[in-house]
Amino acid sequence: MPLTLTVLGTASPHPGPDRPCSGYLLSGGGAEVWVDAGPGTFAALQRHTDPARLTAVWISHLHADHSADLLSAAYAFAFGGMTPPAPVPVYAPGDCARRLAGFFGRADVDFLKGVFDFRDLYDGHDVRHWNLRLTARAVAHDTEAYGLRAECQGSVLAYSGDTGPCPALTELATRADLFLCEADVDRHREGEGPRPVHLTPEDAGRIAREARVRELLVTHVGPTLTREAAAARAAAVFGRPTHMAVEGGTRTV
């Protein structure tokens, strides 16, 4: 089974009509992984697969626009008739289970163990599900955050998550067939310092060029930009095939 990316949502920092926040379905090598769970993506996920069949969930960081729909999944799995045959592994920063339990007004997390198996991400975390390999690298955001490198039968997809420019992101994306990269901000703010927390379109294009990726797919475009403008600006720096992620779009890597 080839490595396939399905775009569930791309909006930042909140969902819009027919545009959920960040979320993707990654399929390949016999595995199906929900990558980031932004608001609205659980509903979109159901257009493409039965959520009870998920092999794993992978969360880049715990900001709500990337993780809040874990709550929807918890309700569906526990009370909505979508109970998976075994608890679904959730790879996420270490505080994920506690935060999710807090939505239910619970201090303990044990009640979630029937549907989710929480496993902490860390820099260099590496796991294989069937023939799909997932590797995490810590990136430069204003909270604990990770980028993802997915490899399946010779194909490579890299995903930035949310990050400012950093060496780890370039390393993660090196020679990827498809680089799914945020282009959230129009420009870096004055006084932001040496480690901004998001990328401009030009940052995305430069990193793609330095990493020698084959194709760039721009996502997580913030409200000060249009997707079309972000993709065009990134392409001008990258100089190779550049496209914008659109909800419902599917790409074989």
Protein backbone atom coordinates (compact mmCIF):
# COMPACT_ATOMS: atom_id res chain seq x y z
CA MET A 1 0.00 0.00 0.00
CA PRO A 2 1.61 3.31 -1.05
CA LEU A 3 2.10 6.22 1.33
CA THR A 4 -0.93 8.50 0.99
CA LEU A 5 -1.73 11.84 2.61
CA THR A 6 -5.33 13.02 2.94
CA VAL A 7 -5.87 16.60 4.08
CA LEU A 8 -8.57 16.88 6.76
CA GLY A 9 -7.99 20.48 7.82
CA THR A 10 -5.56 23.35 7.37
CA ALA A 11 -7.02 26.39 9.19
CA SER A 12 -5.11 28.53 11.68
CA PRO A 13 -5.80 29.48 14.43
CA HIS A 14 -9.51 28.52 14.38
CA PRO A 15 -11.77 26.53 12.07
CA GLY A 16 -13.90 28.16 9.41
CA PRO A 17 -16.87 26.99 7.32
CA ASP A 18 -15.80 23.76 5.59
CA ARG A 19 -12.24 24.35 6.80
CA PRO A 20 -11.23 22.49 9.98
CA CYS A 21 -7.99 23.21 11.78
CA SER A 22 -4.85 21.12 11.29
CA GLY A 23 -5.36 17.42 10.69
CA TYR A 24 -4.28 14.76 8.21
CA LEU A 25 -4.82 11.08 7.53
CA LEU A 26 -1.60 9.27 6.70
CA SER A 27 -2.04 5.83 5.15
CA GLY A 28 0.58 3.36 4.06
CA GLY A 29 2.12 -0.02 4.67
CA GLY A 30 -1.08 -1.34 6.22
CA ALA A 31 -1.38 1.51 8.75
CA GLU A 32 -3.74 4.48 9.09
CA VAL A 33 -2.55 7.34 11.31
CA TRP A 34 -4.46 10.49 12.23
CA VAL A 35 -1.84 13.22 12.35
CA ASP A 36 -2.96 16.21 14.43
CA ALA A 37 -6.51 16.51 15.68
CA GLY A 38 -7.54 20.12 15.19
CA PRO A 39 -11.19 21.14 15.70
CA GLY A 40 -13.39 19.73 12.96
CA THR A 41 -10.97 17.05 11.79
CA PHE A 42 -12.68 14.13 13.51
CA ALA A 43 -15.80 14.74 11.41
CA ALA A 44 -13.66 15.07 8.27
CA LEU A 45 -11.80 11.87 9.17
CA GLN A 46 -15.05 9.93 8.95
CA ARG A 47 -15.35 10.82 5.25
CA HIS A 48 -12.22 8.80 4.56
CA THR A 49 -12.06 5.95 7.08
CA ASP A 50 -13.77 4.37 10.05
CA PRO A 51 -12.01 6.00 13.04
CA ALA A 52 -12.26 2.72 14.97
CA ARG A 53 -9.80 1.29 12.40
CA LEU A 54 -7.07 3.82 13.17
CA THR A 55 -3.66 2.32 13.80
CA ALA A 56 -2.50 5.35 15.80
CA VAL A 57 -2.92 9.05 16.46
CA TRP A 58 0.10 11.37 16.28
CA ILE A 59 -0.11 14.87 17.83
CA SER A 60 2.60 17.45 17.05
CA HIS A 61 1.83 19.69 20.03
CA LEU A 62 -0.97 20.47 22.46
CA HIS A 63 -2.26 23.81 21.19
CA ALA A 64 -6.00 23.46 20.70
CA ASP A 65 -5.91 23.96 16.93
CA HIS A 66 -3.88 20.74 16.68
CA SER A 67 -5.29 18.58 19.45
CA ALA A 68 -8.80 19.58 20.62
CA ASP A 69 -10.66 17.00 18.53
CA LEU A 70 -9.18 14.22 20.63
CA LEU A 71 -12.17 15.07 22.82
CA SER A 72 -14.55 14.27 19.96
CA ALA A 73 -12.77 11.00 19.36
CA ALA A 74 -12.93 10.10 23.05
CA TYR A 75 -16.70 10.59 23.06
CA ALA A 76 -17.11 8.61 19.82
CA PHE A 77 -14.96 5.72 21.03
CA ALA A 78 -16.36 5.57 24.55
CA PHE A 79 -20.03 6.45 24.00
CA GLY A 80 -20.77 6.75 20.27
CA GLY A 81 -20.57 3.19 19.04
CA MET A 82 -17.15 3.57 17.39
CA THR A 83 -15.25 1.59 20.02
CA PRO A 84 -11.95 0.35 18.56
CA PRO A 85 -10.98 -3.32 19.07
CA ALA A 86 -8.09 -2.18 21.30
CA PRO A 87 -7.03 1.18 22.78
CA VAL A 88 -5.57 3.36 20.02
CA PRO A 89 -1.94 4.45 20.57
CA VAL A 90 -1.71 8.22 20.88
CA TYR A 91 1.79 9.63 20.37
CA ALA A 92 1.82 13.12 21.87
CA PRO A 93 3.66 15.45 24.25
CA GLY A 94 3.59 14.16 27.79
CA ASP A 95 0.75 16.26 29.21
CA CYS A 96 -1.80 15.16 26.63
CA ALA A 97 -3.70 12.61 28.72
CA ARG A 98 -4.03 14.95 31.71
CA ARG A 99 -5.33 17.80 29.56
CA LEU A 100 -7.88 15.56 27.88
CA ALA A 101 -9.06 14.24 31.23
CA GLY A 102 -9.49 17.85 32.34
CA PHE A 103 -12.18 18.34 29.68
CA PHE A 104 -14.17 15.68 31.52
CA GLY A 105 -13.51 17.32 34.88
CA ARG A 106 -11.38 14.39 35.96
CA ALA A 107 -8.04 14.55 37.75
CA ASP A 108 -7.12 10.95 36.91
CA VAL A 109 -6.51 9.62 33.40
CA ASP A 110 -7.15 5.93 33.98
CA PHE A 111 -10.70 6.14 32.64
CA LEU A 112 -9.28 6.98 29.20
CA LYS A 113 -7.27 3.77 29.00
CA GLY A 114 -10.19 1.88 27.51
CA VAL A 115 -9.96 3.89 24.29
CA PHE A 116 -6.51 5.54 24.17
CA ASP A 117 -3.00 4.29 24.90
CA PHE A 118 -0.98 7.46 25.51
CA ARG A 119 2.72 7.30 24.65
CA ASP A 120 5.00 10.30 25.16
CA LEU A 121 6.84 11.79 22.21
CA TYR A 122 10.45 12.93 22.56
CA ASP A 123 13.20 14.11 20.23
CA GLY A 124 14.20 11.12 18.14
CA HIS A 125 11.11 9.07 19.01
CA ASP A 126 10.83 6.31 16.43
CA VAL A 127 8.06 3.76 15.98
CA ARG A 128 6.95 1.39 13.26
CA HIS A 129 3.40 0.26 12.53
CA TRP A 130 3.46 -2.47 9.93
CA ASN A 131 5.54 -0.96 7.11
CA LEU A 132 5.03 2.67 8.17
CA ARG A 133 7.81 4.26 10.20
CA LEU A 134 7.20 7.47 12.18
CA THR A 135 10.10 9.54 13.50
CA ALA A 136 9.70 12.69 15.63
CA ARG A 137 12.07 15.62 15.99
CA ALA A 138 11.70 18.45 18.50
CA VAL A 139 11.16 21.77 16.70
CA ALA A 140 11.21 25.44 17.74
CA HIS A 141 7.73 26.47 18.89
CA ASP A 142 6.51 28.25 22.01
CA THR A 143 5.56 24.93 23.60
CA GLU A 144 6.83 21.37 23.39
CA ALA A 145 6.41 20.55 19.71
CA TYR A 146 7.52 17.98 17.15
CA GLY A 147 7.83 17.56 13.43
CA LEU A 148 7.22 14.20 11.78
CA ARG A 149 9.10 12.13 9.22
CA ALA A 150 7.06 9.24 7.82
CA GLU A 151 8.70 6.55 5.70
CA CYS A 152 7.01 3.72 3.86
CA GLN A 153 8.49 1.42 1.25
CA GLY A 154 11.00 4.01 0.05
CA SER A 155 8.65 7.02 0.11
CA VAL A 156 9.20 9.86 2.60
CA LEU A 157 6.80 12.51 3.87
CA ALA A 158 7.95 15.24 6.25
CA TYR A 159 5.57 17.38 8.31
CA SER A 160 6.65 20.56 10.07
CA GLY A 161 3.90 20.79 12.68
CA ASP A 162 4.14 24.33 14.10
CA THR A 163 7.65 25.73 14.28
CA GLY A 164 10.00 28.56 13.58
CA PRO A 165 13.09 27.95 11.45
CA CYS A 166 15.43 25.46 13.12
CA PRO A 167 18.10 22.95 12.07
CA ALA A 168 15.98 20.00 13.23
CA LEU A 169 13.26 20.86 10.71
CA THR A 170 15.70 20.95 7.82
CA GLU A 171 17.18 17.63 8.92
CA LEU A 172 13.73 16.11 9.27
CA ALA A 173 12.77 17.14 5.74
CA THR A 174 16.03 16.13 4.04
CA ARG A 175 15.29 14.62 0.62
CA ALA A 176 11.62 14.06 1.46
CA ASP A 177 9.36 13.28 -1.48
CA LEU A 178 6.67 15.54 0.00
CA PHE A 179 7.20 18.28 2.60
CA LEU A 180 3.98 19.35 4.30
CA CYS A 181 4.99 22.66 5.82
CA GLU A 182 3.24 25.48 7.65
CA ALA A 183 3.38 29.04 6.30
CA ASP A 184 1.44 30.71 9.06
CA VAL A 185 2.68 34.30 9.16
CA ASP A 186 3.16 37.06 6.60
CA ARG A 187 6.36 38.23 8.25
CA HIS A 188 8.16 37.87 11.55
CA ARG A 189 7.27 40.47 14.15
CA GLU A 190 9.72 43.09 15.31
CA GLY A 191 11.43 42.05 18.53
CA GLU A 192 10.41 38.42 18.15
CA GLY A 193 14.00 37.37 18.68
CA PRO A 194 16.15 34.73 16.98
CA ARG A 195 13.59 31.90 17.25
CA PRO A 196 10.21 32.91 15.84
CA VAL A 197 7.46 30.40 16.56
CA HIS A 198 6.00 30.14 13.03
CA LEU A 199 7.24 30.14 9.45
CA THR A 200 6.64 32.65 6.67
CA PRO A 201 6.08 31.34 3.14
CA GLU A 202 9.66 32.34 2.35
CA ASP A 203 10.90 30.30 5.32
CA ALA A 204 8.99 27.28 4.06
CA GLY A 205 10.45 27.66 0.57
CA ARG A 206 13.99 28.15 1.85
CA ILE A 207 13.86 25.14 4.15
CA ALA A 208 12.42 23.00 1.35
CA ARG A 209 15.24 24.13 -0.94
CA GLU A 210 17.95 23.50 1.66
CA ALA A 211 16.49 20.09 2.49
CA ARG A 212 16.34 19.22 -1.23
CA VAL A 213 12.78 17.97 -1.05
CA ARG A 214 10.97 16.95 -4.20
CA GLU A 215 7.66 18.75 -3.61
CA LEU A 216 6.40 21.33 -1.12
CA LEU A 217 2.81 21.37 0.15
CA VAL A 218 1.99 24.56 2.06
CA THR A 219 -0.49 24.35 4.95
CA HIS A 220 -1.58 26.08 8.19
CA VAL A 221 -1.79 29.48 6.50
CA GLY A 222 -2.84 32.16 8.98
CA PRO A 223 -5.48 34.89 8.61
CA THR A 224 -3.04 37.53 7.33
CA LEU A 225 -2.41 35.51 4.16
CA THR A 226 -4.33 33.63 1.50
CA ARG A 227 -3.35 30.08 0.66
CA GLU A 228 -2.73 31.09 -2.95
CA ALA A 229 -0.37 33.90 -1.96
CA ALA A 230 1.47 31.72 0.56
CA ALA A 231 2.04 28.97 -1.99
CA ALA A 232 3.22 31.46 -4.65
CA ARG A 233 5.66 33.15 -2.27
CA ALA A 234 7.04 29.82 -1.08
CA ALA A 235 7.41 28.62 -4.68
CA ALA A 236 9.39 31.73 -5.62
CA VAL A 237 12.05 30.78 -3.06
CA PHE A 238 11.89 26.99 -3.43
CA GLY A 239 11.96 26.93 -7.22
CA ARG A 240 10.41 23.47 -7.46
CA PRO A 241 6.84 22.10 -7.43
CA THR A 242 4.83 23.87 -4.72
CA HIS A 243 1.14 23.47 -3.97
CA MET A 244 -1.34 24.48 -1.27
CA ALA A 245 -3.03 21.94 0.98
CA VAL A 246 -6.81 21.93 0.53
CA GLU A 247 -9.37 20.06 2.59
CA GLY A 248 -10.28 16.71 1.05
CA GLY A 249 -7.18 16.66 -1.13
CA THR A 250 -5.28 13.38 -1.36
CA ARG A 251 -1.71 12.84 -2.51
CA THR A 252 0.23 9.66 -3.09
CA VAL A 253 3.82 10.26 -1.96
